[in-house]
Each structure stands twice: as C-alpha cells, then as structure tokens.
C-alpha cells in the first residue's frame, strides 16, 4: 500500500535521485527539456518545499515511489482562467512537480498519489485542486484526465525553466 508523508531534509538525497530519473523519462517522452537537471526542479526547490511542508513523498514497501508539491492557493500565473469550481483562493491548492519513479510507471502509483492529494484537500476543506501541464506533455495530460481532472484552458505562462510556453490548465473538484 502506498504511504504518503511530508518530506524531511533527511530525504534530500533520495528525492534528488528520484527526480533525476523522472527528468530522464520526461525528456525521452516529450522531447522537451522543460524539466532539466540543474535547472528545474533543483535541490533549492525541494529544500524550500520541505521547509514549508509542501513536499509530499509516496513510499511503497519502504521505497520512495514518487513525490509532489502541493501549495495552497491558485498560482497567480493562471490569471483569470474560467475555473468550474467557484472558490476563494484559500480554498484551492495547486499540485506541482508530480514525479513517479520510472521503474514503477504504469503500476498506479501516480493515481494513488492523486487520490492522496484529494484526501488531503478534503481534510483541509479545499474545494479544488489545480495544475498546469506543458502543451506537448501528452502523457501527463492523459494521466490527469484519467485521474479526474478536467481541462479548463490553454494559457501562455512564463516560467524560468521554460520561458513563455503554452500550458494546459486542469482542475479537480474536491
């Protein structure tokens, strides 16, 4: 059974190893370097997320299976997206940097992590989970749709790791 917990600083080496392998798979699947070793995501991103209590790790039989960052409030870069769920900013959260160990891909770990994110949202009385996916990351788009997320719109967003790029916005009603 997948156990989800908040990451601690002692997890850093395992987190970096996990995301290095996720980056390799991401680049092979999408042909893009939006996630690039040494650029994004990097150790400083994870240290910040650990410090704020927003990095969650999934463990399967004591082994790191995946990770994700969940932050309260909707990302400002999403602008005035036509969200389906009417919710105040503090009643929403954004999932960032979901990664599953490539050797566990296709075994339901990602879906279990999304279920845990939804449970956390219910506990915190959030009404919606939101996220963005690069336009050319078709595997992630299909995954989030299978997980119950609904496409909202495509938007131009600037991130340091991608520059200005097209992202699909998704929402999950909790």
Protein backbone atom coordinates (compact mmCIF):
# COMPACT_ATOMS: atom_id res chain seq x y z
CA UNK A 1 0.00 0.00 0.00
CA UNK A 2 1.23 3.47 -0.86
CA UNK A 3 2.02 5.62 2.15
CA UNK A 4 2.13 9.41 1.73
CA UNK A 5 4.06 11.61 4.11
CA UNK A 6 5.65 15.02 4.26
CA UNK A 7 9.28 15.06 3.25
CA UNK A 8 12.04 15.94 5.70
CA UNK A 9 15.56 17.22 5.00
CA UNK A 10 16.98 13.72 5.51
CA UNK A 11 15.06 12.64 2.37
CA UNK A 12 17.00 15.03 0.11
CA UNK A 13 19.42 12.52 -1.47
CA UNK A 14 16.59 10.10 -2.32
CA UNK A 15 14.41 12.95 -3.64
CA UNK A 16 17.18 14.18 -5.94
CA UNK A 17 17.81 10.67 -7.23
CA UNK A 18 14.09 10.16 -7.86
CA UNK A 19 13.71 13.40 -9.79
CA UNK A 20 16.89 12.81 -11.83
CA UNK A 21 15.34 9.58 -13.10
CA UNK A 22 11.97 11.30 -13.66
CA UNK A 23 13.68 14.04 -15.69
CA UNK A 24 15.34 11.44 -17.92
CA UNK A 25 11.97 9.81 -18.61
CA UNK A 26 10.21 13.17 -19.09
CA UNK A 27 12.74 14.27 -21.71
CA UNK A 28 12.51 10.93 -23.52
CA UNK A 29 8.69 11.01 -23.57
CA UNK A 30 8.18 14.64 -24.53
CA UNK A 31 11.33 15.61 -26.41
CA UNK A 32 11.50 18.77 -24.31
CA UNK A 33 13.91 19.98 -21.67
CA UNK A 34 11.33 21.91 -19.61
CA UNK A 35 12.48 19.70 -16.77
CA UNK A 36 16.25 19.71 -16.94
CA UNK A 37 18.87 18.54 -14.45
CA UNK A 38 20.46 21.53 -12.79
CA UNK A 39 17.69 23.87 -14.00
CA UNK A 40 14.31 22.57 -12.81
CA UNK A 41 13.49 21.04 -10.47
CA UNK A 42 16.62 21.53 -8.38
CA UNK A 43 17.70 20.95 -4.80
CA UNK A 44 16.80 24.52 -3.77
CA UNK A 45 13.21 23.95 -4.95
CA UNK A 46 12.94 20.83 -2.82
CA UNK A 47 14.61 22.41 0.22
CA UNK A 48 12.09 25.27 0.04
CA UNK A 49 9.17 22.82 -0.29
CA UNK A 50 10.43 20.75 2.64
CA UNK A 51 10.83 23.91 4.71
CA UNK A 52 7.26 24.97 4.01
CA UNK A 53 5.86 21.46 4.49
CA UNK A 54 4.57 21.21 0.93
CA UNK A 55 6.67 18.34 -0.48
CA UNK A 56 4.89 15.01 -0.13
CA UNK A 57 6.51 11.65 -0.80
CA UNK A 58 4.88 8.38 -1.71
CA UNK A 59 6.52 5.25 -0.33
CA UNK A 60 5.80 1.71 -1.43
CA UNK A 61 7.16 -1.02 0.83
CA UNK A 62 9.62 1.45 2.36
CA UNK A 63 10.90 2.61 -1.04
CA UNK A 64 10.49 6.12 -2.49
CA UNK A 65 7.94 5.76 -5.26
CA UNK A 66 7.02 9.36 -6.06
CA UNK A 67 6.82 12.95 -4.96
CA UNK A 68 4.67 16.04 -5.42
CA UNK A 69 4.44 19.57 -4.11
CA UNK A 70 1.02 20.83 -3.03
CA UNK A 71 0.65 24.54 -2.28
CA UNK A 72 -2.44 26.29 -1.00
CA UNK A 73 -3.90 28.94 -3.30
CA UNK A 74 -4.09 29.18 -7.07
CA UNK A 75 -0.93 30.10 -8.96
CA UNK A 76 -1.09 33.78 -9.96
CA UNK A 77 0.27 32.95 -13.42
CA UNK A 78 -3.04 31.19 -14.16
CA UNK A 79 -4.65 34.63 -14.34
CA UNK A 80 -8.40 34.74 -14.89
CA UNK A 81 -8.90 31.16 -16.03
CA UNK A 82 -12.58 30.15 -16.28
CA UNK A 83 -12.48 27.67 -13.40
CA UNK A 84 -15.51 25.43 -12.99
CA UNK A 85 -15.28 25.44 -9.19
CA UNK A 86 -16.16 28.76 -7.61
CA UNK A 87 -13.74 29.00 -4.70
CA UNK A 88 -11.80 31.63 -2.81
CA UNK A 89 -8.05 31.45 -3.30
CA UNK A 90 -7.50 29.91 0.13
CA UNK A 91 -10.00 27.16 -0.77
CA UNK A 92 -7.82 25.90 -3.61
CA UNK A 93 -4.43 24.25 -4.00
CA UNK A 94 -2.01 23.59 -6.83
CA UNK A 95 -0.14 20.35 -7.47
CA UNK A 96 3.38 20.91 -8.77
CA UNK A 97 6.24 18.66 -9.79
CA UNK A 98 4.47 15.31 -9.62
CA UNK A 99 7.01 12.61 -10.32
CA UNK A 100 6.81 8.82 -10.13
CA UNK A 101 9.81 6.53 -10.16
CA UNK A 102 10.14 5.34 -13.79
CA UNK A 103 10.57 1.71 -12.73
CA UNK A 104 7.13 1.93 -11.08
CA UNK A 105 5.43 3.66 -14.01
CA UNK A 106 2.19 2.06 -15.11
CA UNK A 107 1.53 0.45 -11.72
CA UNK A 108 -0.97 3.01 -10.44
CA UNK A 109 1.41 4.94 -8.16
CA UNK A 110 0.55 8.27 -9.79
CA UNK A 111 -3.18 7.67 -9.46
CA UNK A 112 -2.73 6.69 -5.82
CA UNK A 113 -0.80 9.90 -5.23
CA UNK A 114 -3.62 11.91 -6.81
CA UNK A 115 -6.13 10.12 -4.56
CA UNK A 116 -3.99 11.06 -1.55
CA UNK A 117 -3.86 14.67 -2.78
CA UNK A 118 -7.67 14.68 -2.97
CA UNK A 119 -7.88 13.23 0.57
CA UNK A 120 -5.57 15.97 1.82
CA UNK A 121 -7.73 18.57 0.06
CA UNK A 122 -10.87 17.22 1.73
CA UNK A 123 -9.16 17.27 5.15
CA UNK A 124 -8.15 20.89 4.61
CA UNK A 125 -11.57 21.81 3.20
CA UNK A 126 -10.14 22.88 -0.14
CA UNK A 127 -12.73 22.91 -2.91
CA UNK A 128 -10.43 22.41 -5.90
CA UNK A 129 -7.02 21.12 -6.91
CA UNK A 130 -5.48 22.83 -9.91
CA UNK A 131 -2.39 22.31 -12.04
CA UNK A 132 -0.73 23.08 -15.34
CA UNK A 133 0.78 20.78 -17.95
CA UNK A 134 3.02 21.71 -20.87
CA UNK A 135 1.14 21.56 -24.15
CA UNK A 136 3.43 18.88 -25.59
CA UNK A 137 3.35 16.66 -22.49
CA UNK A 138 0.60 14.40 -23.79
CA UNK A 139 1.33 11.52 -21.36
CA UNK A 140 0.72 13.86 -18.38
CA UNK A 141 -2.45 15.27 -19.96
CA UNK A 142 -3.87 11.77 -20.39
CA UNK A 143 -2.83 10.84 -16.86
CA UNK A 144 -4.53 13.82 -15.21
CA UNK A 145 -7.70 13.27 -17.22
CA UNK A 146 -7.75 9.63 -16.06
CA UNK A 147 -7.30 10.91 -12.51
CA UNK A 148 -10.47 13.01 -12.83
CA UNK A 149 -9.01 16.41 -13.67
CA UNK A 150 -10.94 18.49 -16.20
CA UNK A 151 -9.26 20.59 -18.88
CA UNK A 152 -10.00 24.30 -18.37
CA UNK A 153 -8.00 26.20 -20.98
CA UNK A 154 -4.63 26.61 -22.67
CA UNK A 155 -2.68 29.61 -21.48
CA UNK A 156 0.68 31.21 -22.19
CA UNK A 157 2.70 31.13 -18.96
CA UNK A 158 6.28 32.16 -18.30
CA UNK A 159 8.39 30.02 -16.00
CA UNK A 160 12.13 30.37 -15.59
CA UNK A 161 12.64 26.76 -16.71
CA UNK A 162 10.51 27.04 -19.87
CA UNK A 163 10.35 30.68 -20.81
CA UNK A 164 6.99 31.64 -22.30
CA UNK A 165 5.18 28.44 -23.25
CA UNK A 166 1.69 27.04 -23.73
CA UNK A 167 0.30 25.19 -20.73
CA UNK A 168 -2.99 23.36 -20.32
CA UNK A 169 -4.76 24.20 -17.07
CA UNK A 170 -6.65 21.45 -15.26
CA UNK A 171 -8.95 21.37 -12.24
CA UNK A 172 -10.24 18.65 -9.93
CA UNK A 173 -13.40 19.37 -7.94
CA UNK A 174 -12.90 18.02 -4.43
